[in-house]
Amino acid sequence: MSMSDPIADYLTRIRNAASVQKKTVDIPFSKFKLAITDIMKKTGFINDYSVIDLENSRRMLSIKLKYYKGENAITGLQRVSKPGIRRYVKYSDLPRVKNGLGVVIVSTSKGLMTEKQAKELKIGGEVICKIW
């Protein structure tokens, strides 16, 4: 069965694992998901991640979720740009999440980055998701 929106599936798997306070979550690998996961690690929303090689040349992305005093570091994930409705914005119109406490991940011509990095480089792009 093919998946129509693998990024929404990725975010949902993380949201569901965090809601039941699992320590790790395994997700089918893609370079795009790896880039999002790397941004989540750099911004402090997850502890660590690793790529696991399976048989038949398949790979999984194993993400170690972060908790602080029993509370999840990720309180919300929202998919903004969807396959049916793409959301493109100029760098001056990039949204903020929770007054800067959250992160907006933007796909630009220079690769995936946070909205803060995109504003510094004065690059707009497709708003992928919001994390807070």
Protein backbone atom coordinates (compact mmCIF):
# COMPACT_ATOMS: atom_id res chain seq x y z
CA MET A 1 0.00 0.00 0.00
CA SER A 2 1.44 3.36 -0.97
CA MET A 3 1.41 6.30 1.39
CA SER A 4 0.11 9.63 0.11
CA ASP A 5 1.89 11.80 2.71
CA PRO A 6 4.96 10.19 4.33
CA ILE A 7 5.89 13.36 6.25
CA ALA A 8 2.48 13.47 7.95
CA ASP A 9 2.95 9.78 8.83
CA TYR A 10 6.40 10.59 10.26
CA LEU A 11 5.01 13.40 12.44
CA THR A 12 2.08 11.25 13.57
CA ARG A 13 4.37 8.39 14.61
CA ILE A 14 6.44 10.80 16.73
CA ARG A 15 3.31 12.41 18.22
CA ASN A 16 1.80 9.02 19.11
CA ALA A 17 5.04 7.67 20.62
CA ALA A 18 5.44 10.82 22.71
CA SER A 19 1.85 10.66 23.95
CA VAL A 20 2.47 7.20 25.49
CA GLN A 21 6.01 8.23 26.58
CA LYS A 22 7.96 5.67 24.55
CA LYS A 23 11.72 6.08 24.68
CA THR A 24 12.29 5.41 20.97
CA VAL A 25 10.26 5.34 17.79
CA ASP A 26 11.23 3.61 14.52
CA ILE A 27 10.24 5.22 11.23
CA PRO A 28 10.88 4.19 7.60
CA PHE A 29 13.97 6.02 6.33
CA SER A 30 14.17 8.81 3.78
CA LYS A 31 16.69 11.62 3.33
CA PHE A 32 13.96 14.22 3.85
CA LYS A 33 12.90 12.66 7.18
CA LEU A 34 16.57 12.45 8.19
CA ALA A 35 16.98 16.19 7.53
CA ILE A 36 13.89 17.00 9.63
CA THR A 37 15.17 14.73 12.42
CA ASP A 38 18.57 16.42 12.32
CA ILE A 39 16.91 19.83 12.78
CA MET A 40 14.87 18.43 15.68
CA LYS A 41 18.09 17.22 17.35
CA LYS A 42 19.90 20.54 16.81
CA THR A 43 16.97 22.49 18.28
CA GLY A 44 16.73 20.18 21.31
CA PHE A 45 13.40 18.45 20.71
CA ILE A 46 14.89 14.92 20.63
CA ASN A 47 17.89 13.28 22.33
CA ASP A 48 19.43 11.40 19.43
CA TYR A 49 18.74 9.40 16.29
CA SER A 50 20.36 6.60 14.32
CA VAL A 51 19.89 4.88 10.97
CA ILE A 52 19.35 1.10 11.18
CA ASP A 53 20.08 -1.11 8.15
CA LEU A 54 17.64 -3.98 7.71
CA GLU A 55 17.70 -6.88 5.27
CA ASN A 56 16.55 -6.32 1.66
CA SER A 57 18.49 -3.00 1.63
CA ARG A 58 15.77 -1.28 3.69
CA ARG A 59 16.57 1.23 6.40
CA MET A 60 14.79 2.58 9.47
CA LEU A 61 15.27 5.81 11.35
CA SER A 62 15.35 5.24 15.11
CA ILE A 63 14.57 8.39 17.13
CA LYS A 64 15.21 8.68 20.89
CA LEU A 65 12.59 11.00 22.34
CA LYS A 66 13.44 13.57 24.99
CA TYR A 67 11.61 13.99 28.31
CA TYR A 68 12.11 16.45 31.14
CA LYS A 69 10.61 15.64 34.56
CA GLY A 70 8.18 13.23 32.91
CA GLU A 71 7.02 15.78 30.32
CA ASN A 72 7.74 15.38 26.63
CA ALA A 73 10.01 17.98 25.02
CA ILE A 74 7.67 17.96 21.99
CA THR A 75 4.25 19.26 23.01
CA GLY A 76 2.96 19.72 19.48
CA LEU A 77 3.66 18.86 15.85
CA GLN A 78 1.67 20.30 12.96
CA ARG A 79 1.99 19.59 9.24
CA VAL A 80 1.55 22.88 7.34
CA SER A 81 2.24 22.18 3.66
CA LYS A 82 0.38 19.10 2.42
CA PRO A 83 0.52 17.28 -0.92
CA GLY A 84 -2.83 18.79 -1.95
CA ILE A 85 -2.14 22.31 -0.64
CA ARG A 86 1.44 23.54 -0.73
CA ARG A 87 2.26 26.59 1.44
CA TYR A 88 5.02 28.81 0.07
CA VAL A 89 6.03 32.03 1.83
CA LYS A 90 8.53 34.86 1.39
CA TYR A 91 11.21 35.17 4.04
CA SER A 92 9.50 38.26 5.48
CA ASP A 93 6.24 36.29 5.94
CA LEU A 94 7.72 33.22 7.67
CA PRO A 95 5.55 32.28 10.67
CA ARG A 96 6.68 32.11 14.31
CA VAL A 97 5.56 29.41 16.71
CA LYS A 98 4.71 30.18 20.34
CA ASN A 99 6.55 33.54 20.24
CA GLY A 100 9.79 31.91 19.12
CA LEU A 101 9.71 28.94 21.53
CA GLY A 102 8.82 26.57 18.71
CA VAL A 103 10.44 25.89 15.37
CA VAL A 104 9.11 26.14 11.82
CA ILE A 105 10.88 23.86 9.34
CA VAL A 106 11.16 25.37 5.86
CA SER A 107 12.27 23.71 2.63
CA THR A 108 14.34 26.26 0.69
CA SER A 109 16.60 26.25 -2.32
CA LYS A 110 19.50 25.83 0.16
CA GLY A 111 17.91 22.76 1.82
CA LEU A 112 15.82 22.26 4.95
CA MET A 113 16.28 24.80 7.73
CA THR A 114 14.50 26.57 10.55
CA GLU A 115 12.61 29.80 9.97
CA LYS A 116 15.31 31.71 11.89
CA GLN A 117 18.03 30.48 9.53
CA ALA A 118 15.85 31.27 6.50
CA LYS A 119 15.23 34.82 7.75
CA GLU A 120 18.97 35.35 8.29
CA LEU A 121 19.70 34.17 4.73
CA LYS A 122 16.64 36.07 3.42
CA ILE A 123 15.28 32.96 1.71
CA GLY A 124 11.62 31.96 1.47
CA GLY A 125 10.30 28.51 0.71
CA GLU A 126 7.76 25.83 1.49
CA VAL A 127 6.67 25.64 5.14
CA ILE A 128 6.86 21.92 6.00
CA CYS A 129 5.83 21.76 9.66
CA LYS A 130 5.71 23.48 13.04
CA ILE A 131 7.16 21.95 16.21
CA TRP A 132 6.67 23.26 19.74
